[in-house]
Each structure stands twice: as structure tokens, then as C-alpha cells.
Amino acid sequence: MLKFSGVNNMVVIEDGATFKDSTILLNSGGYVHLGNSKYNNLSILNNNIGGKVCIGNSCIIDKQLDIYLNGDNCCKIGDGCVIGSDVKICCQDEHSLLDSNGYLLNPGQPII
């Protein structure tokens, strides 16, 4: 089973991809590209605008991979990767640090 949520997003799933209990929850303007891989309990979450997740071909997600974008961040996983059980990838600290002018001191960075 694969569940979707959000508006104005693009999700591309390659032929041959298989899913078990997976969820994609995007706010708006997100992009997800899932290659021909095996996904067991994949969760992609973004409560803010934008963001991009790309997972290549011939990957195995063993059990429970959570990817948290938290905004217009990027997570790319190449071809042939094996990801073990209970892995969390966070593209940004969910605890924003702002200076006295409101400038974000700890912006997220792409994970590639």
C-alpha cells in the first residue's frame, strides 16, 4: 500500500517499484522520484513548501526509512543502495535558530 497527501506536487514512480506500507506526505510544490526499487515502510514527510527526494534503481529499503525534508531541501539516494532497519534522514534541524533580525542561522543542506 502507498498513501499520498498534499497539493501541487509531482511524484514519479518507475516501473517495477514495489511498496509495502509506505507514505508520502508533502505540503505543496514537492517532487519525489522513486526508482525501480523495493520499498518497505518508506515515509517521506515535508510540512513546508517545496523539497525534493530522489531514490535510484536497485535499492533495498529493509524496514522503515523516514526522510524528513522540513522545507525546500533535497535528499538523493543513488542506485544500488541498501538501507537497513529504522533509519531517519533529516535534511534540516527541526529546531530553527534565528538571530535578532530573524535570519535563520541553521538552514538545511542537501543530502546526497
PDB file of N, CA and C in Angstrom:
ATOM      1  N   MET A   1       0.840  -1.176   0.000  1.00  0.00           N
ATOM      2  CA  MET A   1       0.000   0.000   0.000  1.00  0.00           C
ATOM      3  C   MET A   1       0.885   1.239   0.000  1.00  0.00           C
ATOM      4  N   LEU A   2       0.462   2.267  -0.722  1.00  0.00           N
ATOM      5  CA  LEU A   2       1.172   3.535  -0.796  1.00  0.00           C
ATOM      6  C   LEU A   2       0.151   4.644  -0.616  1.00  0.00           C
ATOM      7  N   LYS A   3       0.374   5.530   0.367  1.00  0.00           N
ATOM      8  CA  LYS A   3      -0.542   6.632   0.652  1.00  0.00           C
ATOM      9  C   LYS A   3       0.095   7.944   0.225  1.00  0.00           C
ATOM     10  N   PHE A   4      -0.731   8.866  -0.313  1.00  0.00           N
ATOM     11  CA  PHE A   4      -0.270  10.181  -0.742  1.00  0.00           C
ATOM     12  C   PHE A   4      -1.070  11.270  -0.041  1.00  0.00           C
ATOM     13  N   SER A   5      -0.457  12.441   0.104  1.00  0.00           N
ATOM     14  CA  SER A   5      -1.154  13.609   0.618  1.00  0.00           C
ATOM     15  C   SER A   5      -0.474  14.850   0.059  1.00  0.00           C
ATOM     16  N   GLY A   6      -1.205  15.971  -0.062  1.00  0.00           N
ATOM     17  CA  GLY A   6      -0.619  17.239  -0.487  1.00  0.00           C
ATOM     18  C   GLY A   6      -1.223  17.736  -1.785  1.00  0.00           C
ATOM     19  N   VAL A   7      -0.804  18.962  -2.198  1.00  0.00           N
ATOM     20  CA  VAL A   7      -1.302  19.584  -3.422  1.00  0.00           C
ATOM     21  C   VAL A   7      -0.130  20.113  -4.247  1.00  0.00           C
ATOM     22  N   ASN A   8      -0.330  20.178  -5.568  1.00  0.00           N
ATOM     23  CA  ASN A   8       0.674  20.724  -6.492  1.00  0.00           C
ATOM     24  C   ASN A   8       2.044  20.075  -6.339  1.00  0.00           C
ATOM     25  N   ASN A   9       2.063  18.786  -6.135  1.00  0.00           N
ATOM     26  CA  ASN A   9       3.299  18.018  -6.027  1.00  0.00           C
ATOM     27  C   ASN A   9       3.434  17.114  -7.245  1.00  0.00           C
ATOM     28  N   MET A  10       4.651  16.646  -7.496  1.00  0.00           N
ATOM     29  CA  MET A  10       4.863  15.671  -8.559  1.00  0.00           C
ATOM     30  C   MET A  10       5.544  14.453  -7.957  1.00  0.00           C
ATOM     31  N   VAL A  11       4.950  13.288  -8.171  1.00  0.00           N
ATOM     32  CA  VAL A  11       5.523  12.028  -7.706  1.00  0.00           C
ATOM     33  C   VAL A  11       5.683  11.123  -8.925  1.00  0.00           C
ATOM     34  N   VAL A  12       6.924  10.703  -9.192  1.00  0.00           N
ATOM     35  CA  VAL A  12       7.239   9.825 -10.317  1.00  0.00           C
ATOM     36  C   VAL A  12       7.679   8.484  -9.744  1.00  0.00           C
ATOM     37  N   ILE A  13       7.013   7.416 -10.162  1.00  0.00           N
ATOM     38  CA  ILE A  13       7.351   6.068  -9.699  1.00  0.00           C
ATOM     39  C   ILE A  13       7.709   5.228 -10.922  1.00  0.00           C
ATOM     40  N   GLU A  14       8.929   4.728 -10.938  1.00  0.00           N
ATOM     41  CA  GLU A  14       9.406   3.929 -12.068  1.00  0.00           C
ATOM     42  C   GLU A  14       8.723   2.558 -12.094  1.00  0.00           C
ATOM     43  N   ASP A  15       8.556   2.022 -13.287  1.00  0.00           N
ATOM     44  CA  ASP A  15       8.012   0.671 -13.449  1.00  0.00           C
ATOM     45  C   ASP A  15       8.850  -0.324 -12.660  1.00  0.00           C
ATOM     46  N   GLY A  16       8.185  -1.252 -12.005  1.00  0.00           N
ATOM     47  CA  GLY A  16       8.869  -2.300 -11.253  1.00  0.00           C
ATOM     48  C   GLY A  16       9.104  -1.975  -9.793  1.00  0.00           C
ATOM     49  N   ALA A  17       8.859  -0.728  -9.378  1.00  0.00           N
ATOM     50  CA  ALA A  17       8.998  -0.375  -7.958  1.00  0.00           C
ATOM     51  C   ALA A  17       7.933  -1.118  -7.159  1.00  0.00           C
ATOM     52  N   THR A  18       8.320  -1.646  -5.987  1.00  0.00           N
ATOM     53  CA  THR A  18       7.360  -2.337  -5.122  1.00  0.00           C
ATOM     54  C   THR A  18       7.320  -1.649  -3.769  1.00  0.00           C
ATOM     55  N   PHE A  19       6.124  -1.625  -3.168  1.00  0.00           N
ATOM     56  CA  PHE A  19       5.910  -0.907  -1.919  1.00  0.00           C
ATOM     57  C   PHE A  19       5.199  -1.778  -0.905  1.00  0.00           C
ATOM     58  N   LYS A  20       5.556  -1.586   0.357  1.00  0.00           N
ATOM     59  CA  LYS A  20       4.840  -2.188   1.471  1.00  0.00           C
ATOM     60  C   LYS A  20       4.689  -1.108   2.534  1.00  0.00           C
ATOM     61  N   ASP A  21       3.449  -0.752   2.862  1.00  0.00           N
ATOM     62  CA  ASP A  21       3.152   0.213   3.927  1.00  0.00           C
ATOM     63  C   ASP A  21       4.006   1.467   3.826  1.00  0.00           C
ATOM     64  N   SER A  22       3.912   2.185   2.716  1.00  0.00           N
ATOM     65  CA  SER A  22       4.716   3.381   2.502  1.00  0.00           C
ATOM     66  C   SER A  22       3.825   4.610   2.383  1.00  0.00           C
ATOM     67  N   THR A  23       4.368   5.773   2.776  1.00  0.00           N
ATOM     68  CA  THR A  23       3.602   7.006   2.835  1.00  0.00           C
ATOM     69  C   THR A  23       4.426   8.161   2.283  1.00  0.00           C
ATOM     70  N   ILE A  24       3.778   9.015   1.487  1.00  0.00           N
ATOM     71  CA  ILE A  24       4.389  10.254   1.025  1.00  0.00           C
ATOM     72  C   ILE A  24       3.457  11.384   1.435  1.00  0.00           C
ATOM     73  N   LEU A  25       3.905  12.239   2.352  1.00  0.00           N
ATOM     74  CA  LEU A  25       3.110  13.361   2.840  1.00  0.00           C
ATOM     75  C   LEU A  25       3.863  14.648   2.526  1.00  0.00           C
ATOM     76  N   LEU A  26       3.388  15.383   1.533  1.00  0.00           N
ATOM     77  CA  LEU A  26       4.011  16.633   1.124  1.00  0.00           C
ATOM     78  C   LEU A  26       2.989  17.749   1.244  1.00  0.00           C
ATOM     79  N   ASN A  27       3.423  18.937   1.606  1.00  0.00           N
ATOM     80  CA  ASN A  27       2.530  20.079   1.691  1.00  0.00           C
ATOM     81  C   ASN A  27       2.185  20.547   0.279  1.00  0.00           C
ATOM     82  N   SER A  28       3.102  21.266  -0.371  1.00  0.00           N
ATOM     83  CA  SER A  28       2.876  21.698  -1.750  1.00  0.00           C
ATOM     84  C   SER A  28       4.211  21.970  -2.438  1.00  0.00           C
ATOM     85  N   GLY A  29       4.210  21.815  -3.745  1.00  0.00           N
ATOM     86  CA  GLY A  29       5.394  22.120  -4.536  1.00  0.00           C
ATOM     87  C   GLY A  29       6.534  21.136  -4.389  1.00  0.00           C
ATOM     88  N   GLY A  30       6.272  19.929  -3.914  1.00  0.00           N
ATOM     89  CA  GLY A  30       7.321  18.931  -3.720  1.00  0.00           C
ATOM     90  C   GLY A  30       7.507  18.047  -4.942  1.00  0.00           C
ATOM     91  N   TYR A  31       8.654  17.383  -4.995  1.00  0.00           N
ATOM     92  CA  TYR A  31       8.966  16.471  -6.096  1.00  0.00           C
ATOM     93  C   TYR A  31       9.589  15.210  -5.513  1.00  0.00           C
ATOM     94  N   VAL A  32       9.051  14.055  -5.900  1.00  0.00           N
ATOM     95  CA  VAL A  32       9.580  12.763  -5.455  1.00  0.00           C
ATOM     96  C   VAL A  32       9.755  11.883  -6.682  1.00  0.00           C
ATOM     97  N   HIS A  33      10.940  11.302  -6.833  1.00  0.00           N
ATOM     98  CA  HIS A  33      11.218  10.358  -7.914  1.00  0.00           C
ATOM     99  C   HIS A  33      11.708   9.064  -7.266  1.00  0.00           C
ATOM    100  N   LEU A  34      10.939   8.004  -7.426  1.00  0.00           N
ATOM    101  CA  LEU A  34      11.270   6.710  -6.831  1.00  0.00           C
ATOM    102  C   LEU A  34      11.601   5.725  -7.941  1.00  0.00           C
ATOM    103  N   GLY A  35      12.836   5.263  -7.939  1.00  0.00           N
ATOM    104  CA  GLY A  35      13.305   4.339  -8.959  1.00  0.00           C
ATOM    105  C   GLY A  35      12.752   2.938  -8.779  1.00  0.00           C
ATOM    106  N   ASN A  36      13.131   2.066  -9.685  1.00  0.00           N
ATOM    107  CA  ASN A  36      12.734   0.665  -9.657  1.00  0.00           C
ATOM    108  C   ASN A  36      13.463  -0.020  -8.505  1.00  0.00           C
ATOM    109  N   SER A  37      12.886   0.087  -7.316  1.00  0.00           N
ATOM    110  CA  SER A  37      13.494  -0.432  -6.090  1.00  0.00           C
ATOM    111  C   SER A  37      12.427  -1.062  -5.220  1.00  0.00           C
ATOM    112  N   LYS A  38      12.860  -1.664  -4.123  1.00  0.00           N
ATOM    113  CA  LYS A  38      11.960  -2.310  -3.169  1.00  0.00           C
ATOM    114  C   LYS A  38      11.852  -1.423  -1.928  1.00  0.00           C
ATOM    115  N   TYR A  39      10.629  -0.956  -1.625  1.00  0.00           N
ATOM    116  CA  TYR A  39      10.400  -0.010  -0.534  1.00  0.00           C
ATOM    117  C   TYR A  39       9.533  -0.659   0.542  1.00  0.00           C
ATOM    118  N   ASN A  40      10.100  -0.899   1.705  1.00  0.00           N
ATOM    119  CA  ASN A  40       9.358  -1.435   2.846  1.00  0.00           C
ATOM    120  C   ASN A  40       9.266  -0.358   3.914  1.00  0.00           C
ATOM    121  N   ASN A  41       8.071   0.120   4.169  1.00  0.00           N
ATOM    122  CA  ASN A  41       7.838   1.129   5.201  1.00  0.00           C
ATOM    123  C   ASN A  41       8.631   2.405   4.945  1.00  0.00           C
ATOM    124  N   LEU A  42       8.529   2.945   3.739  1.00  0.00           N
ATOM    125  CA  LEU A  42       9.151   4.224   3.399  1.00  0.00           C
ATOM    126  C   LEU A  42       8.204   5.346   3.786  1.00  0.00           C
ATOM    127  N   SER A  43       8.714   6.366   4.476  1.00  0.00           N
ATOM    128  CA  SER A  43       7.939   7.566   4.790  1.00  0.00           C
ATOM    129  C   SER A  43       8.721   8.782   4.320  1.00  0.00           C
ATOM    130  N   ILE A  44       8.087   9.601   3.497  1.00  0.00           N
ATOM    131  CA  ILE A  44       8.669  10.869   3.069  1.00  0.00           C
ATOM    132  C   ILE A  44       7.739  11.955   3.585  1.00  0.00           C
ATOM    133  N   LEU A  45       8.270  12.853   4.410  1.00  0.00           N
ATOM    134  CA  LEU A  45       7.447  13.849   5.081  1.00  0.00           C
ATOM    135  C   LEU A  45       8.009  15.247   4.860  1.00  0.00           C
ATOM    136  N   ASN A  46       7.125  16.197   4.515  1.00  0.00           N
ATOM    137  CA  ASN A  46       7.509  17.602   4.420  1.00  0.00           C
ATOM    138  C   ASN A  46       6.287  18.446   4.747  1.00  0.00           C
ATOM    139  N   ASN A  47       6.338  19.164   5.863  1.00  0.00           N
ATOM    140  CA  ASN A  47       5.223  20.012   6.279  1.00  0.00           C
ATOM    141  C   ASN A  47       5.317  21.418   5.706  1.00  0.00           C
ATOM    142  N   ASN A  48       6.371  21.711   4.948  1.00  0.00           N
ATOM    143  CA  ASN A  48       6.571  23.030   4.375  1.00  0.00           C
ATOM    144  C   ASN A  48       6.532  22.951   2.856  1.00  0.00           C
ATOM    145  N   ILE A  49       6.833  24.059   2.191  1.00  0.00           N
ATOM    146  CA  ILE A  49       6.717  24.157   0.739  1.00  0.00           C
ATOM    147  C   ILE A  49       8.001  23.686   0.059  1.00  0.00           C
ATOM    148  N   GLY A  50       7.852  22.955  -1.048  1.00  0.00           N
ATOM    149  CA  GLY A  50       8.984  22.534  -1.862  1.00  0.00           C
ATOM    150  C   GLY A  50       9.578  21.227  -1.401  1.00  0.00           C
ATOM    151  N   GLY A  51      10.826  21.025  -1.753  1.00  0.00           N
ATOM    152  CA  GLY A  51      11.547  19.821  -1.363  1.00  0.00           C
ATOM    153  C   GLY A  51      11.600  18.795  -2.473  1.00  0.00           C
ATOM    154  N   LYS A  52      12.662  17.986  -2.436  1.00  0.00           N
ATOM    155  CA  LYS A  52      12.876  17.003  -3.488  1.00  0.00           C
ATOM    156  C   LYS A  52      13.513  15.756  -2.895  1.00  0.00           C
ATOM    157  N   VAL A  53      12.968  14.593  -3.249  1.00  0.00           N
ATOM    158  CA  VAL A  53      13.545  13.302  -2.868  1.00  0.00           C
ATOM    159  C   VAL A  53      13.692  12.471  -4.137  1.00  0.00           C
ATOM    160  N   CYS A  54      14.884  11.929  -4.343  1.00  0.00           N
ATOM    161  CA  CYS A  54      15.135  11.033  -5.474  1.00  0.00           C
ATOM    162  C   CYS A  54      15.819   9.778  -4.947  1.00  0.00           C
ATOM    163  N   ILE A  55      15.255   8.626  -5.241  1.00  0.00           N
ATOM    164  CA  ILE A  55      15.858   7.346  -4.869  1.00  0.00           C
ATOM    165  C   ILE A  55      16.055   6.567  -6.162  1.00  0.00           C
ATOM    166  N   GLY A  56      17.268   6.064  -6.350  1.00  0.00           N
ATOM    167  CA  GLY A  56      17.648   5.402  -7.595  1.00  0.00           C
ATOM    168  C   GLY A  56      17.066   4.008  -7.765  1.00  0.00           C
ATOM    169  N   ASN A  57      17.604   3.305  -8.738  1.00  0.00           N
ATOM    170  CA  ASN A  57      17.170   1.947  -9.066  1.00  0.00           C
ATOM    171  C   ASN A  57      17.956   0.912  -8.271  1.00  0.00           C
ATOM    172  N   SER A  58      17.379  -0.258  -8.143  1.00  0.00           N
ATOM    173  CA  SER A  58      18.013  -1.422  -7.498  1.00  0.00           C
ATOM    174  C   SER A  58      18.399  -1.167  -6.050  1.00  0.00           C
ATOM    175  N   CYS A  59      17.632  -0.337  -5.360  1.00  0.00           N
ATOM    176  CA  CYS A  59      17.849  -0.095  -3.928  1.00  0.00           C
ATOM    177  C   CYS A  59      16.931  -1.007  -3.123  1.00  0.00           C
ATOM    178  N   ILE A  60      17.339  -1.288  -1.900  1.00  0.00           N
ATOM    179  CA  ILE A  60      16.506  -2.056  -0.975  1.00  0.00           C
ATOM    180  C   ILE A  60      16.363  -1.246   0.301  1.00  0.00           C
ATOM    181  N   ILE A  61      15.126  -0.923   0.647  1.00  0.00           N
ATOM    182  CA  ILE A  61      14.813  -0.275   1.914  1.00  0.00           C
ATOM    183  C   ILE A  61      14.314  -1.396   2.813  1.00  0.00           C
ATOM    184  N   ASP A  62      15.154  -1.822   3.769  1.00  0.00           N
ATOM    185  CA  ASP A  62      14.857  -3.022   4.554  1.00  0.00           C
ATOM    186  C   ASP A  62      13.597  -2.866   5.386  1.00  0.00           C
ATOM    187  N   LYS A  63      13.559  -1.889   6.259  1.00  0.00           N
ATOM    188  CA  LYS A  63      12.388  -1.691   7.113  1.00  0.00           C
ATOM    189  C   LYS A  63      12.458  -0.301   7.719  1.00  0.00           C
ATOM    190  N   GLN A  64      11.493   0.519   7.415  1.00  0.00           N
ATOM    191  CA  GLN A  64      11.276   1.832   7.999  1.00  0.00           C
ATOM    192  C   GLN A  64      12.399   2.831   7.726  1.00  0.00           C
ATOM    193  N   LEU A  65      12.313   3.491   6.577  1.00  0.00           N
ATOM    194  CA  LEU A  65      13.155   4.637   6.251  1.00  0.00           C
ATOM    195  C   LEU A  65      12.276   5.874   6.296  1.00  0.00           C
ATOM    196  N   ASP A  66      12.616   6.821   7.175  1.00  0.00           N
ATOM    197  CA  ASP A  66      11.908   8.093   7.279  1.00  0.00           C
ATOM    198  C   ASP A  66      12.800   9.185   6.712  1.00  0.00           C
ATOM    199  N   ILE A  67      12.282   9.946   5.740  1.00  0.00           N
ATOM    200  CA  ILE A  67      13.002  11.083   5.181  1.00  0.00           C
ATOM    201  C   ILE A  67      12.198  12.334   5.517  1.00  0.00           C
ATOM    202  N   TYR A  68      12.809  13.244   6.287  1.00  0.00           N
ATOM    203  CA  TYR A  68      12.175  14.494   6.701  1.00  0.00           C
ATOM    204  C   TYR A  68      12.823  15.645   5.941  1.00  0.00           C
ATOM    205  N   LEU A  69      12.046  16.339   5.104  1.00  0.00           N
ATOM    206  CA  LEU A  69      12.595  17.448   4.332  1.00  0.00           C
ATOM    207  C   LEU A  69      12.534  18.760   5.105  1.00  0.00           C
ATOM    208  N   ASN A  70      11.422  19.070   5.739  1.00  0.00           N
ATOM    209  CA  ASN A  70      11.225  20.306   6.500  1.00  0.00           C
ATOM    210  C   ASN A  70      11.548  21.542   5.665  1.00  0.00           C
ATOM    211  N   GLY A  71      10.975  21.643   4.486  1.00  0.00           N
ATOM    212  CA  GLY A  71      11.179  22.812   3.635  1.00  0.00           C
ATOM    213  C   GLY A  71      11.750  22.437   2.287  1.00  0.00           C
ATOM    214  N   ASP A  72      12.303  23.427   1.625  1.00  0.00           N
ATOM    215  CA  ASP A  72      12.801  23.254   0.263  1.00  0.00           C
ATOM    216  C   ASP A  72      14.208  22.657   0.281  1.00  0.00           C
ATOM    217  N   ASN A  73      14.317  21.435   0.766  1.00  0.00           N
ATOM    218  CA  ASN A  73      15.584  20.713   0.854  1.00  0.00           C
ATOM    219  C   ASN A  73      15.594  19.558  -0.129  1.00  0.00           C
ATOM    220  N   CYS A  74      16.711  18.853  -0.197  1.00  0.00           N
ATOM    221  CA  CYS A  74      16.876  17.788  -1.175  1.00  0.00           C
ATOM    222  C   CYS A  74      17.555  16.580  -0.540  1.00  0.00           C
ATOM    223  N   CYS A  75      17.050  15.389  -0.853  1.00  0.00           N
ATOM    224  CA  CYS A  75      17.674  14.137  -0.430  1.00  0.00           C
ATOM    225  C   CYS A  75      17.767  13.235  -1.656  1.00  0.00           C
ATOM    226  N   LYS A  76      19.003  12.858  -2.023  1.00  0.00           N
ATOM    227  CA  LYS A  76      19.213  11.976  -3.174  1.00  0.00           C
ATOM    228  C   LYS A  76      19.938  10.720  -2.719  1.00  0.00           C
ATOM    229  N   ILE A  77      19.364   9.575  -3.060  1.00  0.00           N
ATOM    230  CA  ILE A  77      19.968   8.272  -2.776  1.00  0.00           C
ATOM    231  C   ILE A  77      20.208   7.613  -4.134  1.00  0.00           C
ATOM    232  N   GLY A  78      21.444   7.247  -4.410  1.00  0.00           N
ATOM    233  CA  GLY A  78      21.822   6.726  -5.724  1.00  0.00           C
ATOM    234  C   GLY A  78      21.364   5.301  -5.975  1.00  0.00           C
ATOM    235  N   ASP A  79      21.806   4.753  -7.084  1.00  0.00           N
ATOM    236  CA  ASP A  79      21.468   3.387  -7.479  1.00  0.00           C
ATOM    237  C   ASP A  79      22.184   2.362  -6.598  1.00  0.00           C
ATOM    238  N   GLY A  80      21.516   1.243  -6.363  1.00  0.00           N
ATOM    239  CA  GLY A  80      22.140   0.101  -5.703  1.00  0.00           C
ATOM    240  C   GLY A  80      22.416   0.259  -4.224  1.00  0.00           C
ATOM    241  N   CYS A  81      21.719   1.152  -3.553  1.00  0.00           N
ATOM    242  CA  CYS A  81      21.930   1.351  -2.112  1.00  0.00           C
ATOM    243  C   CYS A  81      21.060   0.390  -1.305  1.00  0.00           C
ATOM    244  N   VAL A  82      21.612  -0.097  -0.211  1.00  0.00           N
ATOM    245  CA  VAL A  82      20.861  -0.917   0.737  1.00  0.00           C
ATOM    246  C   VAL A  82      20.795  -0.125   2.033  1.00  0.00           C
ATOM    247  N   ILE A  83      19.570   0.111   2.515  1.00  0.00           N
ATOM    248  CA  ILE A  83      19.377   0.884   3.738  1.00  0.00           C
ATOM    249  C   ILE A  83      18.740  -0.031   4.766  1.00  0.00           C
ATOM    250  N   GLY A  84      19.394  -0.165   5.915  1.00  0.00           N
ATOM    251  CA  GLY A  84      18.960  -1.073   6.970  1.00  0.00           C
ATOM    252  C   GLY A  84      17.703  -0.608   7.677  1.00  0.00           C
ATOM    253  N   SER A  85      17.400  -1.268   8.774  1.00  0.00           N
ATOM    254  CA  SER A  85      16.172  -1.017   9.527  1.00  0.00           C
ATOM    255  C   SER A  85      16.226   0.276  10.326  1.00  0.00           C
ATOM    256  N   ASP A  86      15.074   0.924  10.411  1.00  0.00           N
ATOM    257  CA  ASP A  86      14.853   2.070  11.298  1.00  0.00           C
ATOM    258  C   ASP A  86      15.868   3.187  11.087  1.00  0.00           C
ATOM    259  N   VAL A  87      15.909   3.723   9.858  1.00  0.00           N
ATOM    260  CA  VAL A  87      16.822   4.813   9.508  1.00  0.00           C
ATOM    261  C   VAL A  87      16.011   6.094   9.341  1.00  0.00           C
ATOM    262  N   LYS A  88      16.524   7.197   9.917  1.00  0.00           N
ATOM    263  CA  LYS A  88      15.918   8.516   9.764  1.00  0.00           C
ATOM    264  C   LYS A  88      16.921   9.437   9.092  1.00  0.00           C
ATOM    265  N   ILE A  89      16.484  10.115   8.029  1.00  0.00           N
ATOM    266  CA  ILE A  89      17.308  11.101   7.342  1.00  0.00           C
ATOM    267  C   ILE A  89      16.599  12.442   7.486  1.00  0.00           C
ATOM    268  N   CYS A  90      17.269  13.407   8.111  1.00  0.00           N
ATOM    269  CA  CYS A  90      16.696  14.735   8.341  1.00  0.00           C
ATOM    270  C   CYS A  90      17.509  15.760   7.565  1.00  0.00           C
ATOM    271  N   CYS A  91      16.881  16.430   6.612  1.00  0.00           N
ATOM    272  CA  CYS A  91      17.586  17.411   5.788  1.00  0.00           C
ATOM    273  C   CYS A  91      17.711  18.760   6.478  1.00  0.00           C
ATOM    274  N   GLN A  92      17.068  18.937   7.607  1.00  0.00           N
ATOM    275  CA  GLN A  92      17.181  20.183   8.360  1.00  0.00           C
ATOM    276  C   GLN A  92      16.808  19.920   9.803  1.00  0.00           C
ATOM    277  N   ASP A  93      17.513  20.594  10.690  1.00  0.00           N
ATOM    278  CA  ASP A  93      17.167  20.548  12.102  1.00  0.00           C
ATOM    279  C   ASP A  93      15.773  21.153  12.256  1.00  0.00           C
ATOM    280  N   GLU A  94      14.880  20.452  12.890  1.00  0.00           N
ATOM    281  CA  GLU A  94      13.521  20.963  13.059  1.00  0.00           C
ATOM    282  C   GLU A  94      13.433  22.061  14.104  1.00  0.00           C
ATOM    283  N   HIS A  95      14.540  22.369  14.758  1.00  0.00           N
ATOM    284  CA  HIS A  95      14.587  23.437  15.757  1.00  0.00           C
ATOM    285  C   HIS A  95      15.325  24.619  15.142  1.00  0.00           C
ATOM    286  N   SER A  96      14.584  25.545  14.552  1.00  0.00           N
ATOM    287  CA  SER A  96      15.196  26.685  13.877  1.00  0.00           C
ATOM    288  C   SER A  96      15.858  27.618  14.878  1.00  0.00           C
ATOM    289  N   LEU A  97      17.053  28.087  14.508  1.00  0.00           N
ATOM    290  CA  LEU A  97      17.772  29.078  15.301  1.00  0.00           C
ATOM    291  C   LEU A  97      17.802  30.374  14.510  1.00  0.00           C
ATOM    292  N   LEU A  98      17.251  31.444  15.090  1.00  0.00           N
ATOM    293  CA  LEU A  98      17.175  32.733  14.419  1.00  0.00           C
ATOM    294  C   LEU A  98      18.009  33.761  15.167  1.00  0.00           C
ATOM    295  N   ASP A  99      18.640  34.684  14.403  1.00  0.00           N
ATOM    296  CA  ASP A  99      19.349  35.774  15.070  1.00  0.00           C
ATOM    297  C   ASP A  99      18.346  36.866  15.418  1.00  0.00           C
ATOM    298  N   SER A 100      18.815  37.977  15.971  1.00  0.00           N
ATOM    299  CA  SER A 100      17.912  39.041  16.437  1.00  0.00           C
ATOM    300  C   SER A 100      17.148  39.705  15.289  1.00  0.00           C
ATOM    301  N   ASN A 101      17.610  39.530  14.047  1.00  0.00           N
ATOM    302  CA  ASN A 101      16.915  40.083  12.882  1.00  0.00           C
ATOM    303  C   ASN A 101      15.991  39.070  12.211  1.00  0.00           C
ATOM    304  N   GLY A 102      15.883  37.879  12.790  1.00  0.00           N
ATOM    305  CA  GLY A 102      15.030  36.844  12.237  1.00  0.00           C
ATOM    306  C   GLY A 102      15.687  36.013  11.155  1.00  0.00           C
ATOM    307  N   TYR A 103      17.004  36.150  10.978  1.00  0.00           N
ATOM    308  CA  TYR A 103      17.742  35.387   9.972  1.00  0.00           C
ATOM    309  C   TYR A 103      17.991  33.972  10.478  1.00  0.00           C
ATOM    310  N   LEU A 104      17.698  32.984   9.646  1.00  0.00           N
ATOM    311  CA  LEU A 104      17.877  31.581  10.013  1.00  0.00           C
ATOM    312  C   LEU A 104      19.363  31.248  10.082  1.00  0.00           C
ATOM    313  N   LEU A 105      19.827  30.808  11.240  1.00  0.00           N
ATOM    314  CA  LEU A 105      21.238  30.502  11.457  1.00  0.00           C
ATOM    315  C   LEU A 105      21.604  29.064  11.108  1.00  0.00           C
ATOM    316  N   ASN A 106      20.634  28.177  11.052  1.00  0.00           N
ATOM    317  CA  ASN A 106      20.920  26.765  10.775  1.00  0.00           C
ATOM    318  C   ASN A 106      20.073  26.240   9.607  1.00  0.00           C
ATOM    319  N   PRO A 107      20.277  26.811   8.395  1.00  0.00           N
ATOM    320  CA  PRO A 107      19.487  26.332   7.253  1.00  0.00           C
ATOM    321  C   PRO A 107      19.869  24.907   6.876  1.00  0.00           C
ATOM    322  N   GLY A 108      18.930  24.199   6.307  1.00  0.00           N
ATOM    323  CA  GLY A 108      19.184  22.833   5.873  1.00  0.00           C
ATOM    324  C   GLY A 108      20.105  22.796   4.667  1.00  0.00           C
ATOM    325  N   GLN A 109      20.735  21.658   4.463  1.00  0.00           N
ATOM    326  CA  GLN A 109      21.627  21.440   3.333  1.00  0.00           C
ATOM    327  C   GLN A 109      21.190  20.163   2.614  1.00  0.00           C
ATOM    328  N   PRO A 110      21.436  20.076   1.311  1.00  0.00           N
ATOM    329  CA  PRO A 110      21.087  18.844   0.594  1.00  0.00           C
ATOM    330  C   PRO A 110      21.842  17.635   1.142  1.00  0.00           C
ATOM    331  N   ILE A 111      21.201  16.486   1.125  1.00  0.00           N
ATOM    332  CA  ILE A 111      21.840  15.223   1.487  1.00  0.00           C
ATOM    333  C   ILE A 111      21.918  14.404   0.208  1.00  0.00           C
ATOM    334  N   ILE A 112      23.133  14.091  -0.199  1.00  0.00           N
ATOM    335  CA  ILE A 112      23.332  13.366  -1.457  1.00  0.00           C
ATOM    336  C   ILE A 112      24.191  12.151  -1.195  1.00  0.00           C
TER     337      ILE A 112
END
